Protein backbone atom coordinates (compact mmCIF):
# COMPACT_ATOMS: atom_id res chain seq x y z
CA MET A 1 7.20 -7.47 32.67
CA ARG A 2 3.86 -5.83 32.38
CA SER A 3 3.74 -5.61 28.83
CA LEU A 4 4.96 -9.27 28.52
CA TYR A 5 1.84 -9.91 30.68
CA HIS A 6 -0.53 -8.30 28.61
CA LEU A 7 0.74 -9.53 25.62
CA ALA A 8 0.42 -13.25 26.65
CA THR A 9 -3.26 -12.58 27.57
CA ALA A 10 -4.31 -10.47 24.58
CA LYS A 11 -6.42 -11.40 21.79
CA VAL A 12 -4.89 -8.81 19.51
CA CYS A 13 -1.57 -6.65 19.42
CA VAL A 14 -1.20 -3.84 17.56
CA LEU A 15 2.35 -2.46 16.78
CA ASP A 16 3.81 0.70 15.06
CA SER A 17 7.50 -0.37 15.10
CA TYR A 18 9.56 -3.48 15.76
CA TRP A 19 9.03 -4.80 19.22
CA PRO A 20 11.20 -7.67 20.15
CA ALA A 21 8.87 -9.27 22.52
CA VAL A 22 6.45 -10.25 19.30
CA SER A 23 9.29 -11.08 16.99
CA MET A 24 11.27 -12.97 19.62
CA LEU A 25 8.98 -15.01 21.43
CA ARG A 26 6.52 -17.87 20.84
CA HIS A 27 3.06 -16.87 21.27
CA ARG A 28 -0.45 -18.48 21.48
CA ASP A 29 -1.93 -19.52 18.09
CA SER A 30 -4.96 -17.50 18.95
CA LEU A 31 -3.15 -14.07 19.14
CA VAL A 32 -3.41 -11.84 16.15
CA VAL A 33 -0.53 -9.42 15.57
CA TYR A 34 -1.03 -6.32 13.22
CA GLN A 35 1.98 -4.11 12.47
CA ILE A 36 0.70 -0.56 11.24
CA TRP A 37 3.90 0.90 9.96
CA HIS A 38 4.56 4.82 10.30
CA SER A 39 4.09 5.70 6.52
CA LEU A 40 1.37 5.54 3.57
CA GLY A 41 4.20 3.89 1.33
CA LYS A 42 7.80 2.88 0.90
CA ILE A 43 9.49 5.68 -0.87
CA LYS A 44 13.14 4.59 0.79
CA GLN A 45 14.12 1.30 1.48
CA THR A 46 13.74 -0.07 5.17
CA GLY A 47 13.78 -3.08 7.55
CA MET A 48 15.14 -6.18 5.38
CA GLN A 49 15.51 -4.27 2.34
CA SER A 50 18.59 -2.10 3.97
CA LEU A 51 20.44 -4.76 6.12
CA GLY A 52 24.04 -4.44 6.42
CA ARG A 53 24.09 -0.71 4.87
CA GLU A 54 24.95 2.69 6.55
CA GLN A 55 21.57 3.68 7.26
CA GLY A 56 20.06 0.18 7.91
CA ARG A 57 20.56 -2.50 10.71
CA ALA A 58 23.47 -5.04 10.88
CA ALA A 59 22.40 -8.12 9.23
CA GLU A 60 23.71 -10.55 11.78
CA LEU A 61 21.88 -8.55 14.75
CA ALA A 62 18.51 -8.46 12.69
CA HIS A 63 18.25 -12.16 11.92
CA GLY A 64 19.27 -12.93 15.54
CA MET A 65 16.84 -10.50 16.67
CA ARG A 66 14.41 -12.13 14.63
CA MET A 67 13.27 -8.66 12.99
CA HIS A 68 9.93 -8.11 11.84
CA GLU A 69 8.98 -11.87 12.35
CA GLY A 70 5.74 -12.62 13.86
CA TYR A 71 3.26 -10.48 12.17
CA ASP A 72 -0.06 -11.80 10.93
CA TYR A 73 -0.94 -8.68 9.13
CA VAL A 74 0.98 -5.56 7.98
CA VAL A 75 -1.20 -2.41 7.34
CA ALA A 76 -0.12 -0.90 3.87
CA GLY A 77 -0.75 1.97 1.84
CA ALA A 78 -1.33 1.62 -2.09
CA GLU A 79 -1.26 -1.51 -3.65
CA VAL A 80 1.51 -0.11 -5.77
CA TRP A 81 3.89 -0.44 -2.71
CA ASN A 82 3.04 -3.96 -1.90
CA PRO A 83 6.51 -5.49 -3.47
CA GLN A 84 8.15 -3.08 -1.17
CA TYR A 85 6.22 -4.05 1.89
CA CYS A 86 6.78 -7.67 1.31
CA ALA A 87 10.32 -7.11 0.93
CA SER A 88 10.79 -4.78 3.80
CA PHE A 89 8.71 -6.81 6.45
CA GLY A 90 9.67 -10.45 4.89
CA VAL A 91 5.77 -10.99 4.73
CA GLU A 92 3.68 -12.77 1.93
CA PRO A 93 1.13 -10.36 -0.19
CA ALA A 94 -1.93 -12.14 1.62
CA GLN A 95 -0.86 -10.57 4.66
CA LEU A 96 -0.88 -7.04 3.38
CA LEU A 97 -3.89 -4.84 4.35
CA ASN A 98 -4.16 -1.96 1.88
CA PHE A 99 -6.50 0.37 4.39
CA GLY A 100 -3.86 3.46 4.63
CA LEU A 101 -3.36 4.87 8.06
CA PRO A 102 -5.70 6.48 10.67
CA ARG A 103 -3.39 9.39 10.75
CA ALA A 104 -4.08 10.00 6.88
CA ASP A 105 -7.84 9.93 7.80
CA TYR A 106 -7.15 12.58 10.80
CA LEU A 107 -5.42 14.90 7.96
CA PHE A 108 -7.88 14.14 5.28
CA HIS A 109 -11.27 14.82 7.36
CA ASN A 110 -9.78 17.81 9.48
CA ARG A 111 -7.64 19.49 7.27
CA GLY A 112 -9.20 22.88 8.17
CA LYS A 113 -9.59 22.47 11.90
CA ILE A 114 -5.92 21.45 12.04
CA ALA A 115 -4.79 24.42 10.18
CA GLU A 116 -6.88 26.48 12.49
CA ARG A 117 -5.04 25.20 15.57
CA VAL A 118 -1.55 25.86 14.29
CA LEU A 119 -2.50 29.26 13.11
CA ALA A 120 -3.84 30.18 16.71
CA ARG A 121 -0.68 29.09 18.23
CA TYR A 122 1.46 30.56 15.43
CA PRO A 123 -0.33 33.51 13.95
CA GLU A 124 3.16 34.68 12.03
CA LEU A 125 2.53 31.75 9.79
CA ALA A 126 -0.48 33.70 8.06
CA GLU A 127 1.85 36.68 7.42
CA LYS A 128 4.13 35.14 4.47
CA PRO A 129 3.95 31.77 2.54
CA VAL A 130 5.04 28.88 4.89
CA VAL A 131 7.85 26.56 3.63
CA LEU A 132 8.16 23.37 5.66
CA TYR A 133 11.16 21.33 5.51
CA VAL A 134 10.49 17.77 6.86
CA PRO A 135 13.34 15.60 5.93
CA THR A 136 13.34 11.81 6.57
CA PHE A 137 15.83 10.23 9.38
CA ARG A 138 19.31 9.61 8.94
CA ARG A 139 21.09 7.24 11.10
CA GLY A 140 24.59 8.18 12.27
CA PHE A 141 25.47 11.50 10.94
CA SER A 142 24.20 14.92 11.45
CA ALA A 143 22.48 16.30 8.15
CA ASP A 144 22.91 19.69 6.89
CA GLY A 145 19.94 19.89 4.54
CA ALA A 146 18.20 22.60 6.86
CA ARG A 147 21.16 24.67 6.80
CA LYS A 148 21.76 24.66 3.05
CA LEU A 149 18.05 25.41 2.66
CA ALA A 150 18.01 28.10 4.82
CA ALA A 151 21.00 29.82 3.25
CA ALA A 152 19.19 29.76 -0.19
CA LEU A 153 15.77 30.44 0.78
CA ASP A 154 14.38 33.90 0.31
CA LEU A 155 13.59 34.60 4.36
CA ASP A 156 11.97 38.06 3.50
CA ARG A 157 9.66 36.48 1.37
CA PHE A 158 9.04 33.08 3.06
CA THR A 159 8.64 31.73 6.45
CA LEU A 160 10.74 28.47 6.98
CA VAL A 161 9.41 25.75 9.44
CA VAL A 162 11.71 23.10 10.14
CA LYS A 163 10.52 19.81 11.30
CA LYS A 164 13.20 17.15 12.03
CA HIS A 165 12.53 13.49 12.93
CA PRO A 166 12.48 12.71 16.89
CA SER A 167 15.51 10.39 16.48
CA ASP A 168 17.49 12.74 14.20
CA THR A 169 20.62 15.07 14.91
CA LEU A 170 19.57 17.47 11.97
CA ALA A 171 21.94 20.25 12.04
CA MET A 172 19.66 23.49 12.58
CA PRO A 173 20.06 26.37 10.71
CA GLU A 174 21.12 29.94 12.16
CA GLN A 175 18.65 31.68 10.02
CA PRO A 176 15.08 32.73 11.37
CA HIS A 177 12.96 29.76 11.30
CA LEU A 178 10.48 27.92 13.55
CA VAL A 179 10.37 24.61 14.96
CA CYS A 180 6.63 24.42 16.40
CA PRO A 181 7.06 21.46 18.71
CA GLU A 182 3.51 21.27 19.51
CA PHE A 183 2.39 20.09 15.99
CA SER A 184 3.41 16.98 14.18
CA GLY A 185 5.01 17.44 10.61
CA THR A 186 1.48 15.85 9.29
CA GLU A 187 -0.33 18.68 11.07
CA LEU A 188 2.13 21.34 9.83
CA LEU A 189 1.00 20.15 6.09
CA THR A 190 -2.05 21.93 6.73
CA VAL A 191 -0.47 25.54 6.73
CA ALA A 192 2.41 24.99 4.26
CA GLU A 193 2.39 26.65 0.84
CA TYR A 194 5.25 24.25 0.00
CA VAL A 195 6.56 21.18 1.43
CA ILE A 196 10.22 20.17 1.13
CA THR A 197 11.30 16.67 1.89
CA ASP A 198 13.71 14.29 0.53
CA TYR A 199 13.04 10.30 0.97
CA SER A 200 10.51 10.77 3.29
CA SER A 201 6.86 9.07 2.74
CA ILE A 202 5.44 12.52 4.26
CA ALA A 203 5.24 13.23 0.88
CA LEU A 204 2.32 10.71 0.22
CA GLU A 205 0.47 12.70 2.95
CA ALA A 206 1.33 15.76 1.32
CA ALA A 207 -0.13 14.33 -1.74
CA LEU A 208 -3.02 13.51 -0.24
CA ILE A 209 -4.08 17.01 0.37
CA ASP A 210 -2.50 18.47 -2.93
CA ALA A 211 0.19 20.26 -0.67
CA LYS A 212 2.96 21.41 -3.25
CA THR A 213 6.11 19.42 -2.75
CA TYR A 214 9.47 19.64 -3.84
CA TYR A 215 12.19 17.28 -3.17
CA PHE A 216 15.52 18.36 -2.09
CA LEU A 217 18.05 15.59 -2.62
CA TYR A 218 21.40 17.12 -1.82
CA ASP A 219 22.79 14.09 -0.59
CA TYR A 220 21.50 11.79 -3.26
CA GLU A 221 24.68 9.70 -3.93
CA ARG A 222 25.27 9.10 -0.39
CA TYR A 223 21.99 8.10 0.70
CA MET A 224 21.73 5.88 -2.24
CA SER A 225 24.93 3.63 -1.27
CA GLY A 226 23.95 3.83 2.35
CA ASN A 227 20.48 3.10 2.28
CA GLY A 228 18.29 3.29 -1.19
CA ILE A 229 15.03 4.21 -2.26
CA ASN A 230 12.22 2.26 -4.20
CA ILE A 231 11.28 4.64 -6.80
CA ASP A 232 12.74 7.08 -9.19
CA LEU A 233 11.81 10.35 -7.63
CA GLU A 234 13.55 12.27 -10.75
CA THR A 235 11.39 10.36 -13.09
CA GLU A 236 8.22 10.46 -11.34
CA MET A 237 8.62 14.11 -10.14
CA PRO A 238 10.75 15.53 -12.60
CA HIS A 239 10.10 19.26 -12.36
CA CYS A 240 10.17 19.12 -8.45
CA VAL A 241 13.28 17.23 -7.68
CA PHE A 242 16.61 19.47 -6.88
CA ARG A 243 20.17 18.53 -5.69
CA ASP A 244 21.30 22.39 -5.19
CA ALA A 245 19.42 24.59 -2.84
CA ASP A 246 19.65 27.75 -5.12
CA ASP A 247 17.68 25.87 -7.84
CA LEU A 248 15.10 24.96 -5.49
CA GLN A 249 14.89 28.31 -4.39
CA ALA A 250 14.35 29.50 -8.13
CA ALA A 251 11.35 27.08 -8.50
CA LEU A 252 9.64 28.65 -5.63
CA THR A 253 9.33 31.65 -7.69
CA LYS A 254 7.63 29.95 -10.56
CA GLU A 255 4.27 28.25 -11.08
CA TYR A 256 4.06 25.06 -9.37
CA PRO A 257 3.30 21.77 -11.69
CA MET A 258 0.05 20.61 -10.11
CA ALA A 259 -0.65 18.27 -12.76
CA GLU A 260 2.64 16.44 -12.07
CA LEU A 261 1.49 16.33 -8.32
CA ARG A 262 -1.54 14.80 -9.03
CA ARG A 263 -0.40 12.08 -11.57
CA TYR A 264 2.05 11.25 -8.50
CA ARG A 265 -0.96 11.26 -6.18
CA ASP A 266 -2.76 8.72 -8.59
CA THR A 267 0.05 6.59 -8.96
CA PHE A 268 1.24 6.19 -5.24
CA VAL A 269 -1.77 7.21 -2.92
CA LEU A 270 -4.71 5.11 -2.15
CA PRO A 271 -7.77 6.00 -4.69
CA ASP A 272 -10.48 6.33 -2.16
CA PRO A 273 -9.00 7.63 1.05
CA GLY A 274 -10.79 8.48 4.20
CA HIS A 275 -11.72 5.50 5.74
CA SER A 276 -8.76 3.94 6.83
CA THR A 277 -9.60 3.78 10.45
CA ALA A 278 -13.02 1.98 10.09
CA ASP A 279 -11.53 -0.61 7.61
CA LEU A 280 -8.83 -1.41 10.20
CA VAL A 281 -11.03 -1.53 13.13
CA ASP A 282 -13.19 -3.91 11.31
CA HIS A 283 -10.62 -6.16 10.41
CA ILE A 284 -9.30 -6.22 13.92
CA PHE A 285 -12.80 -6.99 15.41
CA GLU A 286 -13.21 -9.81 13.21
CA ALA A 287 -9.61 -11.51 12.69
CA GLY A 288 -9.17 -10.93 16.37
CA GLY A 289 -12.35 -12.65 17.40
CA LEU A 290 -13.50 -9.67 19.46
CA CYS A 291 -17.02 -9.80 18.17
CA THR A 292 -19.00 -11.71 15.50
CA ARG A 293 -20.96 -10.16 12.55
């Protein structure tokens, strides 16, 4: 009830997920609502794109709850993702703000300082190259990608860090690994020699700082039928996508294709990063009527 009071009396509301109070209720015309979705792009299908699928919401429930309605603006990543943002949130292109995320500014400007904090807490991460495994969230079942990866990885040569989604039921490996609960996946990118993900948009943050990224798509067929993705990863990163953990381990012993990663970054990441926060704050103050120029 307290939140409803503040919503009824605010000039601006900023969200980072679906909130029924915004989408289901009628509000003053002067209220300006921003949706800051928690990714720099739309690698996997979400929201309205995945209704009725295993990993999505039930269509009848989503329509009844008016999912993702009531937004004036959706904060987006690079323009190449605009059709997917529109399809996911049911908005028009004019409602998209291609600003990127404040979190990306934090990573872009403070990479060295973040790494120092992580290493101060976990000095063992400086002893061997770090392999950071950051899979996407899978709804409804316990994924075993971490166990497959740990079983194949040469742990005498690498240190494995597993960072699961907060809502996930990822099956954790029995082999030695770290989870580093004090730090987010974004922060742990700064100490990773290799980043291994699947359909997660953390790959875009990794590309932002040239972190060597591989894609472990061991459940590709199931994920495509139960959710779906918006780009063909095997086309975009042909030498970095693996469905077998042993093949992925073998790739870690070879030279990484940096040119491929930078081509991916140039295509899917904002071309001029580092000022997302300033752009967003300026827009909020102007569109929300909080100040005048």
